[in-house]
Amino acid sequence: MSTTELSITERWNQVHAPYGTAALRFTHWLDAEPQSYDGVPGRWWAAGGLVHGEDVPGLGAVRLEPFTHVTAGELQLRAFARDGALALRVYDPENPDRLTLKAIESFETDAAWELPGRFVPAAAGEERQVRSVDGHESTHSAVGTVAVTIAGNEYHLVVSGDEGGLSAVITDATAADGAYRFRFLPIGEPDAAGATTVDFNQAYLPPCAFSDQYVCPLPPPANRITAAVTAGERRAVRS
């Protein structure tokens, strides 16, 4: 089930659960030298494509493949990988980002934001650069664009492949009026002629809206919408 297919309660639990999205307290990028890091017991390093730990209370030695985890006391420790670099992520139920989160504010659902779109696939071998919130840049195979008209202007949203369809990272004028600075937008799988529906009611907040320890991709220039897209999730509400 994709994020946008979740009920309001399921989405809240996904974010606010003890080891949910908002519980990420640290992302420690590792090197080959065993070291101690803030907020995590033991010493940690990267070698042979694995995250290694030693002297971890209750566990002793630990070896984690990317995107697997162990529990150490009240913490969940997950191995993360990006472009060959390995990190240890620390999920802590007592993370202030989780404890102060009170709600996910959304715009009212509005059928007027269900717009026709047209998918244009990228040329064979075409690549695109993706820049993340931490400044990291990586190269990916280009998937294509989806043409959609918003407030009289046609945009060619750069998309990537997603389960059962496409997805885009977008920003719009609501970011200047209290909304989070960008959002993720799933787009349904196009038909044989490239036709699809771009439903902005499905736009949702990226993980970095809930913890600054994530490395979310930023919207490319083509995905910067000058109109206010008053649909989908708006912002995280904190006490």
Protein backbone atom coordinates (compact mmCIF):
# COMPACT_ATOMS: atom_id res chain seq x y z
CA MET A 1 0.00 0.00 0.00
CA SER A 2 1.41 3.39 -0.96
CA THR A 3 1.50 6.34 1.42
CA THR A 4 -1.40 8.03 -0.28
CA GLU A 5 -3.62 4.93 -0.02
CA LEU A 6 -3.39 4.98 3.78
CA SER A 7 -6.28 6.17 5.93
CA ILE A 8 -5.75 9.26 8.09
CA THR A 9 -5.20 7.02 11.11
CA GLU A 10 -2.78 4.74 9.26
CA ARG A 11 -0.82 7.69 7.94
CA TRP A 12 -0.57 9.19 11.44
CA ASN A 13 0.60 5.88 12.87
CA GLN A 14 3.17 5.54 10.08
CA VAL A 15 4.69 8.87 11.06
CA HIS A 16 4.13 8.94 14.83
CA ALA A 17 4.68 5.31 15.84
CA PRO A 18 7.52 4.71 18.33
CA TYR A 19 9.83 3.84 15.43
CA GLY A 20 7.92 5.76 12.78
CA THR A 21 9.14 8.49 10.47
CA ALA A 22 9.33 11.18 13.16
CA ALA A 23 11.43 9.00 15.47
CA LEU A 24 14.62 9.36 13.41
CA ARG A 25 17.03 11.19 15.72
CA PHE A 26 20.40 10.68 14.04
CA THR A 27 21.85 9.66 10.68
CA HIS A 28 25.54 8.90 11.16
CA TRP A 29 27.59 8.45 7.98
CA LEU A 30 30.24 5.83 8.65
CA ASP A 31 33.80 5.25 7.53
CA ALA A 32 36.16 2.31 7.93
CA GLU A 33 37.38 3.36 11.38
CA PRO A 34 35.31 2.13 14.38
CA GLN A 35 34.01 5.15 16.26
CA SER A 36 31.48 6.20 18.87
CA TYR A 37 28.58 8.37 17.71
CA ASP A 38 26.04 10.56 19.45
CA GLY A 39 22.96 8.84 20.75
CA VAL A 40 23.96 5.26 19.97
CA PRO A 41 25.75 2.70 22.15
CA GLY A 42 28.88 0.88 21.01
CA ARG A 43 31.31 1.66 18.19
CA TRP A 44 30.35 1.58 14.52
CA TRP A 45 31.98 1.43 11.10
CA ALA A 46 31.37 0.41 7.48
CA ALA A 47 33.18 -2.42 5.71
CA GLY A 48 32.41 -4.87 2.94
CA GLY A 49 29.06 -3.30 2.16
CA LEU A 50 27.83 -3.83 5.72
CA VAL A 51 27.32 -1.70 8.82
CA HIS A 52 29.30 -3.13 11.73
CA GLY A 53 28.94 -2.51 15.45
CA GLU A 54 30.82 -3.72 18.49
CA ASP A 55 30.36 -3.47 22.26
CA VAL A 56 26.64 -2.84 21.80
CA PRO A 57 24.91 -3.51 25.14
CA GLY A 58 22.78 -6.63 24.99
CA LEU A 59 23.97 -7.44 21.47
CA GLY A 60 27.76 -7.42 21.43
CA ALA A 61 28.85 -7.50 17.80
CA VAL A 62 26.39 -6.42 15.09
CA ARG A 63 26.44 -6.76 11.30
CA LEU A 64 23.69 -5.14 9.28
CA GLU A 65 22.94 -5.27 5.59
CA PRO A 66 21.56 -2.00 4.17
CA PHE A 67 17.93 -1.33 5.17
CA THR A 68 17.87 -3.94 7.95
CA HIS A 69 17.76 -3.17 11.66
CA VAL A 70 18.28 -4.35 15.23
CA THR A 71 16.85 -3.12 18.51
CA ALA A 72 19.21 -1.98 21.27
CA GLY A 73 17.33 -1.11 24.44
CA GLU A 74 14.72 1.49 23.48
CA LEU A 75 16.47 2.32 20.19
CA GLN A 76 16.02 0.87 16.75
CA LEU A 77 19.25 0.94 14.73
CA ARG A 78 18.90 0.78 10.94
CA ALA A 79 21.55 0.50 8.23
CA PHE A 80 21.11 2.97 5.38
CA ALA A 81 22.91 3.19 2.03
CA ARG A 82 23.20 5.87 -0.65
CA ASP A 83 25.45 5.70 -3.70
CA GLY A 84 27.74 3.23 -1.98
CA ALA A 85 28.06 5.19 1.28
CA LEU A 86 26.72 3.58 4.45
CA ALA A 87 25.07 5.20 7.45
CA LEU A 88 23.63 4.13 10.78
CA ARG A 89 20.22 5.59 11.55
CA VAL A 90 19.02 5.86 15.14
CA TYR A 91 15.26 5.74 15.73
CA ASP A 92 14.38 6.92 19.23
CA PRO A 93 10.79 7.04 20.59
CA GLU A 94 11.94 9.94 22.78
CA ASN A 95 13.09 12.02 19.82
CA PRO A 96 11.78 15.58 20.38
CA ASP A 97 10.68 15.71 16.72
CA ARG A 98 8.27 12.87 17.51
CA LEU A 99 7.15 14.05 20.94
CA THR A 100 6.27 17.57 19.77
CA LEU A 101 4.39 16.40 16.65
CA LYS A 102 0.66 16.93 17.15
CA ALA A 103 -0.92 16.53 13.71
CA ILE A 104 -0.49 16.45 9.95
CA GLU A 105 -2.45 19.36 8.52
CA SER A 106 -4.02 18.88 5.08
CA PHE A 107 -6.02 20.94 2.65
CA GLU A 108 -9.65 20.00 2.05
CA THR A 109 -10.07 17.38 -0.68
CA ASP A 110 -11.04 19.17 -3.89
CA ALA A 111 -11.94 17.36 -7.13
CA ALA A 112 -10.86 20.47 -9.05
CA TRP A 113 -7.27 19.40 -8.36
CA GLU A 114 -7.69 16.13 -10.26
CA LEU A 115 -6.14 17.20 -13.56
CA PRO A 116 -5.50 15.36 -16.84
CA GLY A 117 -1.86 14.69 -17.57
CA ARG A 118 0.19 13.25 -20.41
CA PHE A 119 3.30 11.16 -19.84
CA VAL A 120 6.25 11.59 -22.21
CA PRO A 121 8.97 8.96 -21.68
CA ALA A 122 12.61 9.97 -21.61
CA ALA A 123 14.90 9.08 -24.48
CA ALA A 124 16.85 5.84 -24.18
CA GLY A 125 19.97 6.38 -22.07
CA GLU A 126 18.90 9.82 -20.84
CA GLU A 127 20.04 10.68 -17.31
CA ARG A 128 19.10 13.32 -14.78
CA GLN A 129 20.75 14.83 -11.72
CA VAL A 130 19.01 14.63 -8.35
CA ARG A 131 20.00 16.99 -5.56
CA SER A 132 19.11 16.14 -1.97
CA VAL A 133 18.42 18.40 1.00
CA ASP A 134 21.94 17.80 2.35
CA GLY A 135 23.54 18.96 -0.93
CA HIS A 136 24.38 15.48 -2.22
CA GLU A 137 23.97 15.03 -5.97
CA SER A 138 23.46 11.73 -7.75
CA THR A 139 22.79 10.60 -11.29
CA HIS A 140 19.74 8.52 -12.16
CA SER A 141 18.23 7.12 -15.33
CA ALA A 142 15.58 9.55 -16.52
CA VAL A 143 12.01 8.22 -16.63
CA GLY A 144 10.24 11.08 -18.37
CA THR A 145 7.86 13.97 -17.75
CA VAL A 146 4.15 14.47 -17.21
CA ALA A 147 2.58 17.49 -18.90
CA VAL A 148 -0.18 19.11 -16.85
CA THR A 149 -1.85 22.53 -17.04
CA ILE A 150 -2.19 24.41 -13.74
CA ALA A 151 -3.85 27.82 -13.52
CA GLY A 152 -3.41 28.31 -17.26
CA ASN A 153 0.27 27.36 -17.36
CA GLU A 154 1.58 24.08 -18.74
CA TYR A 155 4.21 22.30 -16.68
CA HIS A 156 6.32 19.32 -17.64
CA LEU A 157 6.84 17.64 -14.29
CA VAL A 158 9.95 15.51 -14.06
CA VAL A 159 8.93 12.11 -12.70
CA SER A 160 10.52 8.94 -11.44
CA GLY A 161 9.15 5.41 -11.41
CA ASP A 162 7.07 4.29 -8.45
CA GLU A 163 5.12 1.18 -7.51
CA GLY A 164 2.25 0.97 -9.96
CA GLY A 165 2.89 4.38 -11.45
CA LEU A 166 5.02 7.50 -11.32
CA SER A 167 6.00 10.09 -8.72
CA ALA A 168 7.21 13.68 -8.67
CA VAL A 169 8.77 16.02 -6.11
CA ILE A 170 6.97 19.37 -6.33
CA THR A 171 6.93 22.77 -4.73
CA ASP A 172 4.35 25.51 -5.17
CA ALA A 173 3.23 28.91 -3.89
CA THR A 174 1.72 27.48 -0.68
CA ALA A 175 5.30 27.06 0.57
CA ALA A 176 5.41 30.84 1.02
CA ASP A 177 2.20 30.73 3.09
CA GLY A 178 3.00 28.27 5.86
CA ALA A 179 3.03 24.97 3.96
CA TYR A 180 6.12 22.75 3.96
CA ARG A 181 8.61 23.74 1.28
CA PHE A 182 8.01 20.72 -1.00
CA ARG A 183 5.92 17.58 -1.27
CA PHE A 184 5.89 14.17 -2.91
CA LEU A 185 3.20 13.52 -5.52
CA PRO A 186 2.25 10.03 -6.74
CA ILE A 187 0.84 9.87 -10.27
CA GLY A 188 -1.14 6.96 -11.63
CA GLU A 189 0.31 4.66 -14.26
CA PRO A 190 -0.34 6.15 -17.72
CA ASP A 191 -2.27 4.24 -20.33
CA ALA A 192 -0.83 3.13 -23.68
CA ALA A 193 -1.30 6.64 -25.10
CA GLY A 194 0.41 8.29 -22.10
CA ALA A 195 -2.79 9.65 -20.54
CA THR A 196 -2.94 9.80 -16.75
CA THR A 197 -4.56 11.74 -13.93
CA VAL A 198 -2.50 14.09 -11.77
CA ASP A 199 -4.40 14.23 -8.47
CA PHE A 200 -2.82 16.86 -6.27
CA ASN A 201 -5.05 15.74 -3.40
CA GLN A 202 -2.56 12.84 -3.13
CA ALA A 203 0.43 15.13 -2.46
CA TYR A 204 2.06 14.26 0.86
CA LEU A 205 4.85 15.52 3.10
CA PRO A 206 8.33 14.03 2.65
CA PRO A 207 10.05 12.35 5.61
CA CYS A 208 12.26 15.42 6.15
CA ALA A 209 9.13 17.36 7.14
CA PHE A 210 9.15 15.25 10.31
CA SER A 211 12.90 14.94 10.99
CA ASP A 212 15.83 16.85 9.51
CA GLN A 213 17.90 13.64 9.58
CA TYR A 214 16.44 12.41 6.27
CA VAL A 215 18.06 13.09 2.89
CA CYS A 216 15.00 13.76 0.72
CA PRO A 217 15.37 14.72 -2.96
CA LEU A 218 14.60 18.34 -3.81
CA PRO A 219 12.21 19.42 -6.58
CA PRO A 220 13.96 19.97 -9.91
CA PRO A 221 13.42 23.38 -11.54
CA ALA A 222 10.69 22.04 -13.85
CA ASN A 223 8.63 21.01 -10.79
CA ARG A 224 8.45 24.48 -9.23
CA ILE A 225 4.82 25.48 -9.65
CA THR A 226 4.12 29.22 -9.43
CA ALA A 227 0.44 28.73 -8.49
CA ALA A 228 -0.76 27.78 -5.01
CA VAL A 229 -1.66 24.08 -5.06
CA THR A 230 -4.21 23.98 -2.23
CA ALA A 231 -4.55 20.19 -2.10
CA GLY A 232 -2.90 17.32 -0.25
CA GLU A 233 -0.92 17.41 2.98
CA ARG A 234 0.17 20.91 4.04
CA ARG A 235 2.48 20.85 7.05
CA ALA A 236 3.46 19.12 10.27
CA VAL A 237 1.85 20.72 13.32
CA ARG A 238 3.99 20.87 16.46
CA SER A 239 3.43 22.01 20.01
